[in-house]
Amino acid sequence: MKPPLQLGKQNSGQREKKAAQEKRTIVFVDQSAFSLLPMLVRTYALVGQTPILKVELTRDHLSVMGAITTKGKIIMHYQDYAYKGPDVVRFLQLLTA
């Protein structure tokens, strides 16, 4: 059994060479979510009066998944609900299209 390739500069050329031989593309994928609530940094009020800010609280958010290849190609996908298994599969299918 061959030892697994380890991450790092020493083996990065080996990985790219093997991927090229197998006609594959190395892709790095990441997913993140952003809350769409307003950010408050500073408020003003008269001395001695606490400012009261009324903001409608929602669960709105934006989920984003992206990928970049070793050649610099970028693929992005976003949706207004959390990613679940089928969504990830659909994104991975985009990469193979």
Protein backbone atom coordinates (compact mmCIF):
# COMPACT_ATOMS: atom_id res chain seq x y z
CA MET A 1 0.00 0.00 0.00
CA LYS A 2 1.36 3.43 -0.99
CA PRO A 3 1.58 6.09 1.70
CA PRO A 4 -0.84 8.98 1.13
CA LEU A 5 0.52 12.13 -0.46
CA GLN A 6 1.17 14.75 2.17
CA LEU A 7 0.30 18.40 1.76
CA GLY A 8 3.17 20.78 1.26
CA LYS A 9 5.50 22.18 -1.34
CA GLN A 10 7.53 18.99 -1.67
CA ASN A 11 4.65 16.96 -3.05
CA SER A 12 2.63 19.66 -4.81
CA GLY A 13 4.44 19.05 -8.10
CA GLN A 14 3.84 15.32 -7.79
CA ARG A 15 0.12 15.86 -7.25
CA GLU A 16 -0.15 18.16 -10.27
CA LYS A 17 1.87 15.80 -12.45
CA LYS A 18 -0.26 12.79 -11.46
CA ALA A 19 -3.48 14.79 -12.00
CA ALA A 20 -2.28 15.80 -15.47
CA GLN A 21 -1.44 12.18 -16.33
CA GLU A 22 -4.92 11.09 -15.24
CA LYS A 23 -6.52 14.10 -17.05
CA ARG A 24 -7.92 15.42 -13.75
CA THR A 25 -8.08 18.92 -12.30
CA ILE A 26 -7.13 19.75 -8.72
CA VAL A 27 -9.85 21.90 -7.15
CA PHE A 28 -10.00 23.59 -3.74
CA VAL A 29 -13.58 24.09 -2.48
CA ASP A 30 -14.92 26.17 0.42
CA GLN A 31 -18.35 27.15 1.71
CA SER A 32 -19.42 30.07 3.87
CA ALA A 33 -22.58 31.87 5.02
CA PHE A 34 -23.23 35.56 5.57
CA SER A 35 -25.82 37.04 7.90
CA LEU A 36 -27.81 39.86 6.36
CA LEU A 37 -28.50 41.60 9.67
CA PRO A 38 -27.29 45.21 9.85
CA MET A 39 -24.07 45.81 11.73
CA LEU A 40 -24.16 48.66 14.22
CA VAL A 41 -20.90 50.21 15.26
CA ARG A 42 -21.69 53.56 16.84
CA THR A 43 -24.82 55.31 18.04
CA TYR A 44 -25.57 58.81 19.29
CA ALA A 45 -27.98 60.06 21.95
CA LEU A 46 -28.36 62.92 24.36
CA VAL A 47 -26.19 62.71 27.45
CA GLY A 48 -27.84 60.43 30.02
CA GLN A 49 -30.21 58.79 27.52
CA THR A 50 -29.52 55.32 26.22
CA PRO A 51 -30.11 55.10 22.47
CA ILE A 52 -32.74 52.55 21.45
CA LEU A 53 -32.43 51.21 17.94
CA LYS A 54 -35.27 49.25 16.40
CA VAL A 55 -34.17 46.75 13.79
CA GLU A 56 -36.33 43.99 12.39
CA LEU A 57 -34.51 40.74 13.15
CA THR A 58 -34.68 38.11 10.45
CA ARG A 59 -32.95 34.86 9.69
CA ASP A 60 -32.02 36.04 6.20
CA HIS A 61 -28.62 34.93 5.10
CA LEU A 62 -26.62 34.16 2.00
CA SER A 63 -24.81 30.86 1.55
CA VAL A 64 -21.86 30.83 -0.84
CA MET A 65 -19.78 27.97 -2.19
CA GLY A 66 -16.73 28.51 -4.31
CA ALA A 67 -13.90 26.60 -5.91
CA ILE A 68 -10.56 27.50 -7.44
CA THR A 69 -8.35 25.33 -9.61
CA THR A 70 -4.57 25.28 -9.61
CA LYS A 71 -4.76 27.12 -12.96
CA GLY A 72 -6.74 29.98 -11.36
CA LYS A 73 -10.24 29.22 -12.67
CA ILE A 74 -12.87 30.34 -10.14
CA ILE A 75 -16.36 28.85 -9.84
CA MET A 76 -18.94 30.45 -7.49
CA HIS A 77 -22.47 29.51 -6.47
CA TYR A 78 -24.76 31.22 -3.99
CA GLN A 79 -28.25 30.68 -2.61
CA ASP A 80 -30.47 32.23 0.05
CA TYR A 81 -30.78 29.08 2.17
CA ALA A 82 -28.25 26.81 3.88
CA TYR A 83 -26.38 24.22 1.83
CA LYS A 84 -27.45 20.63 2.36
CA GLY A 85 -26.15 17.41 0.82
CA PRO A 86 -28.05 17.67 -2.50
CA ASP A 87 -26.92 21.30 -2.91
CA VAL A 88 -23.28 20.31 -2.48
CA VAL A 89 -23.70 17.48 -5.01
CA ARG A 90 -25.24 19.95 -7.48
CA PHE A 91 -22.25 22.28 -7.00
CA LEU A 92 -19.78 19.46 -7.55
CA GLN A 93 -21.67 18.53 -10.72
CA LEU A 94 -21.15 22.13 -11.90
CA LEU A 95 -17.41 21.53 -11.60
CA THR A 96 -17.53 18.54 -13.91
CA ALA A 97 -19.69 20.26 -16.54
